[in-house]
Amino acid sequence: MQRAWRGEPVPGTEQPVTPRPVSGDGVPIMFGGGAEAVIRRVVKYGVGWTAGGGTPESLTVMMERINAAWKAEGRAGKPKFRALGYFVLGDELHEEAESNLLSYYGEFGARVWSGTIKSAAEAKERVKASEKTGVDELILFMSAPHLEQVDRLAEAVL
């Protein structure tokens, strides 16, 4: 796959099977999950790790393990870390947001809802805590599809 992503021919064809990436280095791969195999994949094939949820503090152990494995393998630089979370700003949207997450995540919905950012103060704190923990990029998804959520989040964290 990496050869194909670099634009090199693969068995069965003399032609590249994909456009060359802009960087020329291949497609950057981020892995997620908490298993030992994920750490091996990040170090061998990836550019970093992404957390599908949880608090910034809960990510620390996995990030430390990945950093140690990265260094032990002699990889240059450092892995990238990304985390995602959900938010809803405005009490009038809490019921809709909770319903959306419970419906989408099924048996895990209550857990996701409990970690959802529900106030401007929580949003600001999540951003600060993510930076402190070493998360390079925090991706926040609105859990109620209303465009004013974007403005409310921007006002809270910028």
N, C-alpha and C. Protein backbone atom coordinates (compact mmCIF):
# COMPACT_ATOMS: atom_id res chain seq x y z
N MET A 1 0.82 -1.16 0.00
CA MET A 1 0.00 0.00 0.00
C MET A 1 0.88 1.25 0.00
N GLN A 2 1.92 1.24 0.82
CA GLN A 2 2.78 2.42 0.87
C GLN A 2 3.47 2.66 -0.47
N ARG A 3 3.86 1.59 -1.15
CA ARG A 3 4.46 1.76 -2.49
C ARG A 3 3.46 2.40 -3.43
N ALA A 4 2.23 1.93 -3.40
CA ALA A 4 1.19 2.50 -4.26
C ALA A 4 0.99 3.97 -3.93
N TRP A 5 0.96 4.30 -2.65
CA TRP A 5 0.74 5.69 -2.25
C TRP A 5 1.91 6.60 -2.61
N ARG A 6 3.11 6.00 -2.77
CA ARG A 6 4.25 6.81 -3.22
C ARG A 6 4.24 7.00 -4.74
N GLY A 7 3.28 6.35 -5.40
CA GLY A 7 3.19 6.48 -6.85
C GLY A 7 4.01 5.46 -7.60
N GLU A 8 4.52 4.44 -6.90
CA GLU A 8 5.31 3.39 -7.54
C GLU A 8 4.37 2.33 -8.12
N PRO A 9 4.76 1.70 -9.23
CA PRO A 9 3.93 0.61 -9.76
C PRO A 9 3.84 -0.53 -8.74
N VAL A 10 2.74 -1.22 -8.75
CA VAL A 10 2.55 -2.38 -7.88
C VAL A 10 2.40 -3.61 -8.75
N PRO A 11 2.55 -4.81 -8.19
CA PRO A 11 2.44 -6.02 -9.01
C PRO A 11 1.16 -6.03 -9.85
N GLY A 12 1.32 -6.39 -11.11
CA GLY A 12 0.18 -6.49 -12.01
C GLY A 12 0.00 -5.30 -12.92
N THR A 13 0.79 -4.25 -12.72
CA THR A 13 0.67 -3.07 -13.58
C THR A 13 1.99 -2.32 -13.62
N GLU A 14 2.21 -1.66 -14.73
CA GLU A 14 3.40 -0.81 -14.87
C GLU A 14 3.08 0.63 -14.49
N GLN A 15 1.81 0.90 -14.27
CA GLN A 15 1.36 2.27 -14.00
C GLN A 15 1.10 2.46 -12.50
N PRO A 16 1.28 3.68 -12.03
CA PRO A 16 0.87 3.95 -10.65
C PRO A 16 -0.65 3.82 -10.54
N VAL A 17 -1.12 3.43 -9.38
CA VAL A 17 -2.55 3.23 -9.19
C VAL A 17 -3.21 4.38 -8.42
N THR A 18 -2.45 5.38 -8.13
CA THR A 18 -2.99 6.51 -7.37
C THR A 18 -2.21 7.78 -7.70
N PRO A 19 -2.80 8.92 -7.59
CA PRO A 19 -2.02 10.14 -7.78
C PRO A 19 -0.95 10.25 -6.70
N ARG A 20 0.15 10.86 -7.04
CA ARG A 20 1.22 11.04 -6.07
C ARG A 20 0.77 12.03 -5.00
N PRO A 21 1.08 11.75 -3.76
CA PRO A 21 0.78 12.71 -2.70
C PRO A 21 1.58 13.99 -2.89
N VAL A 22 1.03 15.08 -2.44
CA VAL A 22 1.68 16.38 -2.58
C VAL A 22 3.05 16.37 -1.93
N SER A 23 3.18 15.70 -0.78
CA SER A 23 4.45 15.70 -0.06
C SER A 23 5.49 14.81 -0.72
N GLY A 24 5.05 13.87 -1.55
CA GLY A 24 5.97 12.94 -2.17
C GLY A 24 6.40 11.80 -1.25
N ASP A 25 5.98 11.84 0.01
CA ASP A 25 6.42 10.85 0.99
C ASP A 25 5.39 9.75 1.24
N GLY A 26 4.28 9.81 0.58
CA GLY A 26 3.24 8.84 0.84
C GLY A 26 2.09 9.46 1.60
N VAL A 27 1.12 8.65 1.91
CA VAL A 27 -0.06 9.11 2.62
C VAL A 27 0.19 8.96 4.12
N PRO A 28 0.08 10.04 4.88
CA PRO A 28 0.30 9.92 6.33
C PRO A 28 -0.84 9.14 6.97
N ILE A 29 -0.50 8.15 7.77
CA ILE A 29 -1.50 7.30 8.40
C ILE A 29 -1.49 7.54 9.91
N MET A 30 -2.69 7.78 10.44
CA MET A 30 -2.88 7.88 11.89
C MET A 30 -3.63 6.62 12.32
N PHE A 31 -3.23 6.04 13.43
CA PHE A 31 -3.91 4.87 13.97
C PHE A 31 -4.64 5.24 15.25
N GLY A 32 -5.72 4.54 15.53
CA GLY A 32 -6.46 4.75 16.76
C GLY A 32 -6.66 3.43 17.48
N GLY A 33 -7.03 3.51 18.73
CA GLY A 33 -7.26 2.32 19.54
C GLY A 33 -6.30 2.27 20.70
N GLY A 34 -6.47 1.27 21.54
CA GLY A 34 -5.65 1.19 22.74
C GLY A 34 -4.88 -0.10 22.90
N ALA A 35 -4.90 -0.96 21.91
CA ALA A 35 -4.22 -2.25 22.00
C ALA A 35 -2.72 -2.11 21.73
N GLU A 36 -1.98 -3.08 22.20
CA GLU A 36 -0.53 -3.09 21.97
C GLU A 36 -0.21 -3.08 20.48
N ALA A 37 -1.03 -3.77 19.69
CA ALA A 37 -0.80 -3.81 18.23
C ALA A 37 -0.88 -2.41 17.62
N VAL A 38 -1.69 -1.54 18.19
CA VAL A 38 -1.80 -0.17 17.67
C VAL A 38 -0.46 0.55 17.81
N ILE A 39 0.19 0.36 18.94
CA ILE A 39 1.49 1.01 19.16
C ILE A 39 2.49 0.53 18.11
N ARG A 40 2.52 -0.77 17.86
CA ARG A 40 3.44 -1.30 16.83
C ARG A 40 3.13 -0.71 15.46
N ARG A 41 1.85 -0.58 15.13
CA ARG A 41 1.48 -0.04 13.82
C ARG A 41 1.84 1.44 13.69
N VAL A 42 1.61 2.19 14.75
CA VAL A 42 1.98 3.61 14.72
C VAL A 42 3.47 3.75 14.44
N VAL A 43 4.27 2.99 15.17
CA VAL A 43 5.73 3.10 15.04
C VAL A 43 6.22 2.59 13.69
N LYS A 44 5.64 1.52 13.18
CA LYS A 44 6.11 0.93 11.92
C LYS A 44 5.59 1.66 10.69
N TYR A 45 4.31 2.04 10.69
CA TYR A 45 3.69 2.56 9.47
C TYR A 45 3.17 3.99 9.58
N GLY A 46 2.98 4.47 10.76
CA GLY A 46 2.22 5.70 10.93
C GLY A 46 3.02 6.95 11.19
N VAL A 47 2.26 8.03 11.25
CA VAL A 47 2.83 9.32 11.65
C VAL A 47 2.34 9.69 13.04
N GLY A 48 1.37 8.91 13.58
CA GLY A 48 0.88 9.23 14.90
C GLY A 48 -0.36 8.45 15.28
N TRP A 49 -0.97 8.92 16.36
CA TRP A 49 -2.11 8.23 16.98
C TRP A 49 -3.25 9.20 17.19
N THR A 50 -4.46 8.70 17.02
CA THR A 50 -5.64 9.52 17.26
C THR A 50 -6.53 8.84 18.29
N ALA A 51 -7.01 9.64 19.22
CA ALA A 51 -7.90 9.14 20.26
C ALA A 51 -9.33 9.44 19.87
N GLY A 52 -10.17 8.44 19.92
CA GLY A 52 -11.56 8.62 19.53
C GLY A 52 -12.45 9.18 20.60
N GLY A 53 -11.89 9.63 21.68
CA GLY A 53 -12.67 10.21 22.76
C GLY A 53 -11.92 10.13 24.06
N GLY A 54 -12.58 10.54 25.11
CA GLY A 54 -11.95 10.53 26.42
C GLY A 54 -11.39 11.90 26.77
N THR A 55 -11.03 12.04 28.02
CA THR A 55 -10.46 13.31 28.46
C THR A 55 -8.99 13.36 28.08
N PRO A 56 -8.44 14.56 27.96
CA PRO A 56 -7.01 14.64 27.65
C PRO A 56 -6.15 13.86 28.65
N GLU A 57 -6.52 13.92 29.92
CA GLU A 57 -5.75 13.21 30.94
C GLU A 57 -5.78 11.70 30.72
N SER A 58 -6.89 11.18 30.22
CA SER A 58 -7.00 9.74 30.00
C SER A 58 -6.15 9.26 28.83
N LEU A 59 -5.68 10.18 28.01
CA LEU A 59 -4.87 9.82 26.84
C LEU A 59 -3.39 9.72 27.18
N THR A 60 -2.99 10.26 28.31
CA THR A 60 -1.58 10.39 28.66
C THR A 60 -0.83 9.08 28.62
N VAL A 61 -1.38 8.03 29.21
CA VAL A 61 -0.68 6.74 29.28
C VAL A 61 -0.37 6.22 27.88
N MET A 62 -1.36 6.24 27.00
CA MET A 62 -1.14 5.74 25.64
C MET A 62 -0.13 6.61 24.91
N MET A 63 -0.22 7.91 25.08
CA MET A 63 0.73 8.81 24.41
C MET A 63 2.16 8.54 24.90
N GLU A 64 2.33 8.31 26.19
CA GLU A 64 3.65 8.01 26.73
C GLU A 64 4.18 6.69 26.17
N ARG A 65 3.33 5.69 26.06
CA ARG A 65 3.75 4.40 25.51
C ARG A 65 4.16 4.54 24.05
N ILE A 66 3.42 5.31 23.29
CA ILE A 66 3.75 5.52 21.88
C ILE A 66 5.05 6.30 21.75
N ASN A 67 5.22 7.34 22.54
CA ASN A 67 6.47 8.11 22.51
C ASN A 67 7.67 7.22 22.81
N ALA A 68 7.55 6.36 23.83
CA ALA A 68 8.65 5.47 24.20
C ALA A 68 8.97 4.48 23.08
N ALA A 69 7.95 3.89 22.49
CA ALA A 69 8.15 2.93 21.40
C ALA A 69 8.75 3.63 20.18
N TRP A 70 8.30 4.83 19.89
CA TRP A 70 8.80 5.62 18.76
C TRP A 70 10.31 5.85 18.93
N LYS A 71 10.69 6.26 20.12
CA LYS A 71 12.09 6.54 20.42
C LYS A 71 12.91 5.26 20.36
N ALA A 72 12.40 4.17 20.95
CA ALA A 72 13.10 2.89 20.97
C ALA A 72 13.34 2.36 19.56
N GLU A 73 12.41 2.65 18.65
CA GLU A 73 12.54 2.20 17.26
C GLU A 73 13.49 3.09 16.47
N GLY A 74 13.89 4.22 17.05
CA GLY A 74 14.81 5.12 16.36
C GLY A 74 14.14 6.00 15.32
N ARG A 75 12.83 6.18 15.43
CA ARG A 75 12.13 7.04 14.48
C ARG A 75 12.53 8.49 14.71
N ALA A 76 12.71 9.21 13.63
CA ALA A 76 13.06 10.63 13.72
C ALA A 76 11.84 11.44 14.16
N GLY A 77 12.09 12.57 14.76
CA GLY A 77 11.01 13.46 15.16
C GLY A 77 10.18 12.85 16.27
N LYS A 78 8.91 13.19 16.25
CA LYS A 78 8.00 12.63 17.26
C LYS A 78 6.65 12.34 16.61
N PRO A 79 5.91 11.41 17.17
CA PRO A 79 4.60 11.11 16.60
C PRO A 79 3.63 12.27 16.81
N LYS A 80 2.67 12.35 15.93
CA LYS A 80 1.61 13.35 16.06
C LYS A 80 0.47 12.73 16.88
N PHE A 81 -0.19 13.58 17.65
CA PHE A 81 -1.31 13.11 18.47
C PHE A 81 -2.54 13.96 18.19
N ARG A 82 -3.63 13.28 17.90
CA ARG A 82 -4.90 13.96 17.66
C ARG A 82 -5.96 13.33 18.56
N ALA A 83 -6.92 14.14 18.92
CA ALA A 83 -8.03 13.65 19.75
C ALA A 83 -9.32 14.26 19.25
N LEU A 84 -10.40 13.53 19.42
CA LEU A 84 -11.69 14.09 19.03
C LEU A 84 -12.62 14.11 20.22
N GLY A 85 -13.58 14.97 20.11
CA GLY A 85 -14.60 15.07 21.14
C GLY A 85 -15.86 15.68 20.56
N TYR A 86 -16.89 15.67 21.35
CA TYR A 86 -18.17 16.25 20.95
C TYR A 86 -18.50 17.43 21.84
N PHE A 87 -19.29 18.35 21.30
CA PHE A 87 -19.72 19.48 22.09
C PHE A 87 -21.15 19.86 21.74
N VAL A 88 -21.80 20.50 22.69
CA VAL A 88 -23.10 21.14 22.48
C VAL A 88 -23.09 22.36 23.39
N LEU A 89 -23.29 23.52 22.82
CA LEU A 89 -23.28 24.76 23.60
C LEU A 89 -24.65 25.41 23.51
N GLY A 90 -25.30 25.49 24.63
CA GLY A 90 -26.66 26.03 24.71
C GLY A 90 -27.57 24.98 25.31
N ASP A 91 -28.12 25.29 26.47
CA ASP A 91 -28.99 24.33 27.17
C ASP A 91 -30.16 23.87 26.32
N GLU A 92 -30.63 24.74 25.42
CA GLU A 92 -31.80 24.41 24.61
C GLU A 92 -31.53 23.27 23.62
N LEU A 93 -30.26 22.92 23.43
CA LEU A 93 -29.91 21.86 22.47
C LEU A 93 -29.45 20.57 23.15
N HIS A 94 -29.36 20.55 24.48
CA HIS A 94 -28.84 19.37 25.17
C HIS A 94 -29.65 18.12 24.88
N GLU A 95 -30.95 18.22 24.92
CA GLU A 95 -31.79 17.04 24.70
C GLU A 95 -31.58 16.46 23.30
N GLU A 96 -31.53 17.34 22.30
CA GLU A 96 -31.31 16.88 20.92
C GLU A 96 -29.92 16.25 20.78
N ALA A 97 -28.92 16.90 21.35
CA ALA A 97 -27.55 16.39 21.25
C ALA A 97 -27.42 15.03 21.93
N GLU A 98 -27.99 14.91 23.11
CA GLU A 98 -27.93 13.63 23.82
C GLU A 98 -28.62 12.54 23.01
N SER A 99 -29.78 12.83 22.46
CA SER A 99 -30.51 11.87 21.65
C SER A 99 -29.68 11.44 20.43
N ASN A 100 -29.03 12.39 19.79
CA ASN A 100 -28.20 12.08 18.62
C ASN A 100 -27.07 11.12 18.99
N LEU A 101 -26.37 11.41 20.08
CA LEU A 101 -25.23 10.57 20.46
C LEU A 101 -25.68 9.20 20.96
N LEU A 102 -26.77 9.15 21.72
CA LEU A 102 -27.27 7.86 22.19
C LEU A 102 -27.72 6.99 21.02
N SER A 103 -28.34 7.60 20.04
CA SER A 103 -28.80 6.88 18.86
C SER A 103 -27.62 6.37 18.03
N TYR A 104 -26.63 7.23 17.83
CA TYR A 104 -25.50 6.88 16.97
C TYR A 104 -24.59 5.82 17.62
N TYR A 105 -24.30 5.99 18.91
CA TYR A 105 -23.33 5.12 19.57
C TYR A 105 -23.94 3.93 20.29
N GLY A 106 -25.26 3.83 20.32
CA GLY A 106 -25.90 2.67 20.93
C GLY A 106 -25.47 2.49 22.38
N GLU A 107 -24.97 1.30 22.71
CA GLU A 107 -24.62 0.99 24.10
C GLU A 107 -23.50 1.86 24.65
N PHE A 108 -22.73 2.50 23.79
CA PHE A 108 -21.66 3.40 24.24
C PHE A 108 -22.10 4.85 24.32
N GLY A 109 -23.34 5.11 23.91
CA GLY A 109 -23.84 6.48 23.85
C GLY A 109 -23.78 7.24 25.16
N ALA A 110 -24.16 6.59 26.25
CA ALA A 110 -24.15 7.27 27.56
C ALA A 110 -22.73 7.68 27.94
N ARG A 111 -21.78 6.84 27.62
CA ARG A 111 -20.37 7.15 27.91
C ARG A 111 -19.91 8.35 27.09
N VAL A 112 -20.26 8.36 25.81
CA VAL A 112 -19.88 9.48 24.94
C VAL A 112 -20.56 10.76 25.42
N TRP A 113 -21.83 10.66 25.75
CA TRP A 113 -22.57 11.84 26.23
C TRP A 113 -21.94 12.40 27.51
N SER A 114 -21.51 11.52 28.41
CA SER A 114 -20.93 11.99 29.67
C SER A 114 -19.64 12.78 29.44
N GLY A 115 -18.93 12.49 28.35
CA GLY A 115 -17.70 13.21 28.04
C GLY A 115 -17.89 14.38 27.09
N THR A 116 -19.13 14.64 26.70
CA THR A 116 -19.42 15.73 25.77
C THR A 116 -19.27 17.07 26.46
N ILE A 117 -18.63 18.00 25.78
CA ILE A 117 -18.48 19.37 26.28
C ILE A 117 -19.85 20.03 26.23
N LYS A 118 -20.28 20.59 27.37
CA LYS A 118 -21.64 21.15 27.45
C LYS A 118 -21.67 22.61 27.87
N SER A 119 -20.53 23.26 27.94
CA SER A 119 -20.51 24.68 28.30
C SER A 119 -19.26 25.33 27.71
N ALA A 120 -19.31 26.65 27.60
CA ALA A 120 -18.15 27.40 27.09
C ALA A 120 -16.94 27.18 27.99
N ALA A 121 -17.17 27.15 29.29
CA ALA A 121 -16.06 26.93 30.23
C ALA A 121 -15.43 25.55 30.02
N GLU A 122 -16.26 24.54 29.82
CA GLU A 122 -15.73 23.19 29.55
C GLU A 122 -14.95 23.16 28.24
N ALA A 123 -15.42 23.87 27.23
CA ALA A 123 -14.72 23.90 25.94
C ALA A 123 -13.34 24.52 26.11
N LYS A 124 -13.29 25.63 26.79
CA LYS A 124 -12.02 26.31 27.03
C LYS A 124 -11.06 25.41 27.81
N GLU A 125 -11.58 24.74 28.83
CA GLU A 125 -10.77 23.85 29.65
C GLU A 125 -10.28 22.65 28.84
N ARG A 126 -11.13 22.09 27.98
CA ARG A 126 -10.72 20.94 27.16
C ARG A 126 -9.58 21.32 26.23
N VAL A 127 -9.65 22.50 25.63
CA VAL A 127 -8.58 22.95 24.75
C VAL A 127 -7.29 23.11 25.54
N LYS A 128 -7.34 23.77 26.68
CA LYS A 128 -6.14 23.96 27.51
C LYS A 128 -5.55 22.63 27.96
N ALA A 129 -6.41 21.73 28.43
CA ALA A 129 -5.94 20.43 28.90
C ALA A 129 -5.34 19.61 27.77
N SER A 130 -5.91 19.71 26.58
CA SER A 130 -5.36 18.99 25.42
C SER A 130 -3.98 19.51 25.07
N GLU A 131 -3.81 20.81 25.07
CA GLU A 131 -2.50 21.40 24.81
C GLU A 131 -1.49 20.95 25.86
N LYS A 132 -1.88 21.00 27.12
CA LYS A 132 -0.99 20.62 28.22
C LYS A 132 -0.58 19.15 28.11
N THR A 133 -1.49 18.30 27.69
CA THR A 133 -1.23 16.87 27.56
C THR A 133 -0.33 16.55 26.38
N GLY A 134 -0.26 17.44 25.40
CA GLY A 134 0.57 17.19 24.22
C GLY A 134 -0.20 16.80 22.99
N VAL A 135 -1.51 16.99 23.01
CA VAL A 135 -2.33 16.73 21.82
C VAL A 135 -2.02 17.81 20.80
N ASP A 136 -1.64 17.41 19.59
CA ASP A 136 -1.30 18.36 18.53
C ASP A 136 -2.53 18.96 17.88
N GLU A 137 -3.59 18.18 17.79
CA GLU A 137 -4.80 18.65 17.13
C GLU A 137 -6.02 18.08 17.85
N LEU A 138 -6.90 18.96 18.26
CA LEU A 138 -8.15 18.57 18.90
C LEU A 138 -9.28 18.83 17.91
N ILE A 139 -10.02 17.79 17.59
CA ILE A 139 -11.12 17.90 16.63
C ILE A 139 -12.42 17.80 17.40
N LEU A 140 -13.22 18.85 17.34
CA LEU A 140 -14.48 18.87 18.07
C LEU A 140 -15.65 18.84 17.10
N PHE A 141 -16.55 17.89 17.31
CA PHE A 141 -17.73 17.73 16.47
C PHE A 141 -18.95 18.23 17.23
N MET A 142 -19.79 18.99 16.55
CA MET A 142 -21.04 19.39 17.20
C MET A 142 -21.97 18.19 17.25
N SER A 143 -22.62 18.02 18.38
CA SER A 143 -23.51 16.87 18.54
C SER A 143 -24.97 17.23 18.25
N ALA A 144 -25.21 18.49 17.97
CA ALA A 144 -26.52 18.95 17.48
C ALA A 144 -26.23 19.80 16.25
N PRO A 145 -26.76 19.42 15.09
CA PRO A 145 -26.38 20.07 13.83
C PRO A 145 -27.03 21.45 13.62
N HIS A 146 -26.50 22.42 14.33
CA HIS A 146 -26.99 23.79 14.21
C HIS A 146 -25.77 24.69 14.01
N LEU A 147 -25.76 25.46 12.94
CA LEU A 147 -24.59 26.26 12.60
C LEU A 147 -24.16 27.23 13.69
N GLU A 148 -25.08 27.71 14.50
CA GLU A 148 -24.68 28.64 15.56
C GLU A 148 -23.74 27.97 16.56
N GLN A 149 -23.69 26.63 16.54
CA GLN A 149 -22.75 25.92 17.40
C GLN A 149 -21.31 26.29 17.07
N VAL A 150 -21.03 26.50 15.80
CA VAL A 150 -19.68 26.88 15.37
C VAL A 150 -19.31 28.23 15.98
N ASP A 151 -20.21 29.19 15.90
CA ASP A 151 -19.95 30.51 16.47
C ASP A 151 -19.78 30.44 17.99
N ARG A 152 -20.62 29.67 18.63
CA ARG A 152 -20.53 29.55 20.09
C ARG A 152 -19.20 28.92 20.51
N LEU A 153 -18.77 27.91 19.77
CA LEU A 153 -17.49 27.29 20.09
C LEU A 153 -16.34 28.27 19.86
N ALA A 154 -16.37 28.98 18.74
CA ALA A 154 -15.32 29.96 18.45
C ALA A 154 -15.27 31.02 19.54
N GLU A 155 -16.41 31.52 19.96
CA GLU A 155 -16.44 32.52 21.03
C GLU A 155 -15.87 31.97 22.33
N ALA A 156 -16.07 30.69 22.57
CA ALA A 156 -15.61 30.08 23.81
C ALA A 156 -14.11 29.85 23.84
N VAL A 157 -13.53 29.48 22.71
CA VAL A 157 -12.12 29.03 22.75
C VAL A 157 -11.13 29.96 22.06
N LEU A 158 -11.60 30.90 21.26
CA LEU A 158 -10.66 31.77 20.54
C LEU A 158 -10.48 33.10 21.25
